[in-house]
Amino acid sequence: MELMVVVAIIGILVSMAVPTYRTIVERAKETVLRENLYTLRDVIDQYYADKGKYPDSLDSLVSAGYLRRLPIDPITGKSDWVTVPYSGNEPGQMEPTEGESTGGIWDVHSASDAVGSDGTKYSTW
């Protein structure tokens, strides 16, 4: 009888801990996603500042030495970032000075269609 009570108490404690654990894991993934997006966007801006143009691909950031390797999207588990090409009319884009060429990747987003804890899709972050 005592063993059944102990097992029941352990079961109740585990059932209370599992949802909290899942929430913590999800928030950790979201934090890593935000950091990876910040890093990629910062490196794209550094590339533009150094070379006067946006990179043609994310792999060119690695080959030029701006990144050791492409970060992994923690939501999808792959380096399958969705790139946004430069079109010249997005708000907040650096305007090229005279003689500088443009083109290439201006922004990146997650490839996941899942919804984050704030209610927005990861692909819009």
C-alpha atoms as a PDB file:
ATOM      1  CA  MET A   1       0.000   0.000   0.000  1.00  0.00           C
ATOM      2  CA  GLU A   2       2.779   2.415   0.914  1.00  0.00           C
ATOM      3  CA  LEU A   3       4.550   1.676  -2.358  1.00  0.00           C
ATOM      4  CA  MET A   4       1.413   2.553  -4.327  1.00  0.00           C
ATOM      5  CA  VAL A   5       1.161   5.891  -2.520  1.00  0.00           C
ATOM      6  CA  VAL A   6       4.809   6.690  -3.269  1.00  0.00           C
ATOM      7  CA  VAL A   7       4.381   5.763  -6.947  1.00  0.00           C
ATOM      8  CA  ALA A   8       1.235   7.903  -7.157  1.00  0.00           C
ATOM      9  CA  ILE A   9       3.019  10.904  -5.606  1.00  0.00           C
ATOM     10  CA  ILE A  10       5.954  10.508  -8.012  1.00  0.00           C
ATOM     11  CA  GLY A  11       3.505  10.299 -10.927  1.00  0.00           C
ATOM     12  CA  ILE A  12       1.795  13.513  -9.847  1.00  0.00           C
ATOM     13  CA  LEU A  13       5.125  15.341  -9.501  1.00  0.00           C
ATOM     14  CA  VAL A  14       6.301  14.164 -12.923  1.00  0.00           C
ATOM     15  CA  SER A  15       3.012  15.201 -14.561  1.00  0.00           C
ATOM     16  CA  MET A  16       3.483  18.693 -13.107  1.00  0.00           C
ATOM     17  CA  ALA A  17       7.122  18.939 -14.242  1.00  0.00           C
ATOM     18  CA  VAL A  18       6.738  17.841 -17.880  1.00  0.00           C
ATOM     19  CA  PRO A  19       4.805  20.917 -19.135  1.00  0.00           C
ATOM     20  CA  THR A  20       7.293  23.221 -17.410  1.00  0.00           C
ATOM     21  CA  TYR A  21      10.179  21.335 -19.001  1.00  0.00           C
ATOM     22  CA  ARG A  22       8.633  21.645 -22.474  1.00  0.00           C
ATOM     23  CA  THR A  23       8.114  25.387 -21.992  1.00  0.00           C
ATOM     24  CA  ILE A  24      11.713  25.848 -20.887  1.00  0.00           C
ATOM     25  CA  VAL A  25      13.026  23.920 -23.896  1.00  0.00           C
ATOM     26  CA  GLU A  26      10.846  25.951 -26.289  1.00  0.00           C
ATOM     27  CA  ARG A  27      11.999  29.253 -24.799  1.00  0.00           C
ATOM     28  CA  ALA A  28      15.628  28.145 -25.031  1.00  0.00           C
ATOM     29  CA  LYS A  29      15.163  27.359 -28.740  1.00  0.00           C
ATOM     30  CA  GLU A  30      13.561  30.759 -29.286  1.00  0.00           C
ATOM     31  CA  THR A  31      16.461  32.477 -27.533  1.00  0.00           C
ATOM     32  CA  VAL A  32      18.983  30.625 -29.702  1.00  0.00           C
ATOM     33  CA  LEU A  33      16.966  31.503 -32.821  1.00  0.00           C
ATOM     34  CA  ARG A  34      16.970  35.200 -31.903  1.00  0.00           C
ATOM     35  CA  GLU A  35      20.722  35.117 -31.271  1.00  0.00           C
ATOM     36  CA  ASN A  36      21.443  33.292 -34.541  1.00  0.00           C
ATOM     37  CA  LEU A  37      19.306  35.755 -36.511  1.00  0.00           C
ATOM     38  CA  TYR A  38      21.053  38.676 -34.801  1.00  0.00           C
ATOM     39  CA  THR A  39      24.461  37.193 -35.627  1.00  0.00           C
ATOM     40  CA  LEU A  40      23.596  36.514 -39.272  1.00  0.00           C
ATOM     41  CA  ARG A  41      22.137  39.999 -39.762  1.00  0.00           C
ATOM     42  CA  ASP A  42      25.131  41.613 -38.070  1.00  0.00           C
ATOM     43  CA  VAL A  43      27.564  39.656 -40.254  1.00  0.00           C
ATOM     44  CA  ILE A  44      25.614  40.600 -43.399  1.00  0.00           C
ATOM     45  CA  ASP A  45      25.929  44.266 -42.387  1.00  0.00           C
ATOM     46  CA  GLN A  46      29.659  43.832 -41.719  1.00  0.00           C
ATOM     47  CA  TYR A  47      30.110  42.214 -45.134  1.00  0.00           C
ATOM     48  CA  TYR A  48      28.278  45.134 -46.742  1.00  0.00           C
ATOM     49  CA  ALA A  49      30.371  47.677 -44.849  1.00  0.00           C
ATOM     50  CA  ASP A  50      33.612  45.963 -45.903  1.00  0.00           C
ATOM     51  CA  LYS A  51      32.824  45.059 -49.507  1.00  0.00           C
ATOM     52  CA  GLY A  52      30.195  47.634 -50.532  1.00  0.00           C
ATOM     53  CA  LYS A  53      27.696  44.982 -51.572  1.00  0.00           C
ATOM     54  CA  TYR A  54      25.507  42.382 -49.926  1.00  0.00           C
ATOM     55  CA  PRO A  55      26.698  38.741 -50.003  1.00  0.00           C
ATOM     56  CA  ASP A  56      25.472  36.543 -52.855  1.00  0.00           C
ATOM     57  CA  SER A  57      24.779  33.650 -50.479  1.00  0.00           C
ATOM     58  CA  LEU A  58      25.148  32.735 -46.845  1.00  0.00           C
ATOM     59  CA  ASP A  59      27.968  30.389 -47.801  1.00  0.00           C
ATOM     60  CA  SER A  60      29.956  33.374 -49.050  1.00  0.00           C
ATOM     61  CA  LEU A  61      29.938  34.704 -45.467  1.00  0.00           C
ATOM     62  CA  VAL A  62      31.701  31.516 -44.400  1.00  0.00           C
ATOM     63  CA  SER A  63      34.169  31.490 -47.289  1.00  0.00           C
ATOM     64  CA  ALA A  64      35.011  35.183 -46.688  1.00  0.00           C
ATOM     65  CA  GLY A  65      35.786  34.422 -43.030  1.00  0.00           C
ATOM     66  CA  TYR A  66      32.905  36.288 -41.419  1.00  0.00           C
ATOM     67  CA  LEU A  67      31.545  33.057 -39.922  1.00  0.00           C
ATOM     68  CA  ARG A  68      33.237  29.759 -39.081  1.00  0.00           C
ATOM     69  CA  ARG A  69      30.128  27.907 -40.169  1.00  0.00           C
ATOM     70  CA  LEU A  70      26.480  28.702 -40.739  1.00  0.00           C
ATOM     71  CA  PRO A  71      24.461  28.547 -37.537  1.00  0.00           C
ATOM     72  CA  ILE A  72      21.708  25.976 -37.264  1.00  0.00           C
ATOM     73  CA  ASP A  73      18.096  27.039 -37.010  1.00  0.00           C
ATOM     74  CA  PRO A  74      17.109  25.505 -33.646  1.00  0.00           C
ATOM     75  CA  ILE A  75      13.472  25.193 -34.672  1.00  0.00           C
ATOM     76  CA  THR A  76      14.102  23.157 -37.841  1.00  0.00           C
ATOM     77  CA  GLY A  77      17.415  21.635 -36.727  1.00  0.00           C
ATOM     78  CA  LYS A  78      19.082  22.543 -40.067  1.00  0.00           C
ATOM     79  CA  SER A  79      20.909  25.467 -41.662  1.00  0.00           C
ATOM     80  CA  ASP A  80      17.959  26.070 -43.978  1.00  0.00           C
ATOM     81  CA  TRP A  81      17.608  29.827 -43.576  1.00  0.00           C
ATOM     82  CA  VAL A  82      15.228  31.729 -45.852  1.00  0.00           C
ATOM     83  CA  THR A  83      17.098  34.619 -47.438  1.00  0.00           C
ATOM     84  CA  VAL A  84      15.616  37.970 -48.463  1.00  0.00           C
ATOM     85  CA  PRO A  85      17.296  39.523 -51.500  1.00  0.00           C
ATOM     86  CA  TYR A  86      18.189  43.197 -51.634  1.00  0.00           C
ATOM     87  CA  SER A  87      15.658  45.195 -53.637  1.00  0.00           C
ATOM     88  CA  GLY A  88      16.639  48.714 -52.625  1.00  0.00           C
ATOM     89  CA  ASN A  89      13.388  49.849 -51.040  1.00  0.00           C
ATOM     90  CA  GLU A  90      13.177  48.083 -47.676  1.00  0.00           C
ATOM     91  CA  PRO A  91      13.073  50.378 -44.650  1.00  0.00           C
ATOM     92  CA  GLY A  92      16.260  50.378 -42.645  1.00  0.00           C
ATOM     93  CA  GLN A  93      18.493  49.224 -45.464  1.00  0.00           C
ATOM     94  CA  MET A  94      21.802  50.976 -45.811  1.00  0.00           C
ATOM     95  CA  GLU A  95      21.816  53.160 -48.890  1.00  0.00           C
ATOM     96  CA  PRO A  96      24.765  52.505 -51.170  1.00  0.00           C
ATOM     97  CA  THR A  97      27.108  55.390 -51.739  1.00  0.00           C
ATOM     98  CA  GLU A  98      28.122  56.428 -55.212  1.00  0.00           C
ATOM     99  CA  GLY A  99      30.176  53.770 -56.948  1.00  0.00           C
ATOM    100  CA  GLU A 100      29.060  50.944 -54.668  1.00  0.00           C
ATOM    101  CA  SER A 101      27.205  48.013 -56.138  1.00  0.00           C
ATOM    102  CA  THR A 102      24.283  46.251 -54.505  1.00  0.00           C
ATOM    103  CA  GLY A 103      22.520  42.926 -54.842  1.00  0.00           C
ATOM    104  CA  GLY A 104      22.657  39.746 -52.855  1.00  0.00           C
ATOM    105  CA  ILE A 105      21.151  38.858 -49.499  1.00  0.00           C
ATOM    106  CA  TRP A 106      19.822  41.630 -47.296  1.00  0.00           C
ATOM    107  CA  ASP A 107      18.029  39.662 -44.541  1.00  0.00           C
ATOM    108  CA  VAL A 108      17.401  36.135 -43.242  1.00  0.00           C
ATOM    109  CA  HIS A 109      14.476  34.396 -41.544  1.00  0.00           C
ATOM    110  CA  SER A 110      13.733  30.984 -40.098  1.00  0.00           C
ATOM    111  CA  ALA A 111      12.362  28.376 -42.493  1.00  0.00           C
ATOM    112  CA  SER A 112       9.882  27.166 -39.867  1.00  0.00           C
ATOM    113  CA  ASP A 113       6.158  27.880 -40.149  1.00  0.00           C
ATOM    114  CA  ALA A 114       5.654  27.135 -36.452  1.00  0.00           C
ATOM    115  CA  VAL A 115       4.294  29.809 -34.128  1.00  0.00           C
ATOM    116  CA  GLY A 116       6.407  31.138 -31.265  1.00  0.00           C
ATOM    117  CA  SER A 117       5.391  31.804 -27.690  1.00  0.00           C
ATOM    118  CA  ASP A 118       4.587  35.427 -28.594  1.00  0.00           C
ATOM    119  CA  GLY A 119       1.984  34.302 -31.168  1.00  0.00           C
ATOM    120  CA  THR A 120       3.975  35.204 -34.299  1.00  0.00           C
ATOM    121  CA  LYS A 121       5.490  32.807 -36.821  1.00  0.00           C
ATOM    122  CA  TYR A 122       9.207  32.177 -36.521  1.00  0.00           C
ATOM    123  CA  SER A 123       9.503  32.961 -40.226  1.00  0.00           C
ATOM    124  CA  THR A 124       8.593  36.600 -39.491  1.00  0.00           C
ATOM    125  CA  TRP A 125      11.255  37.158 -36.847  1.00  0.00           C
END
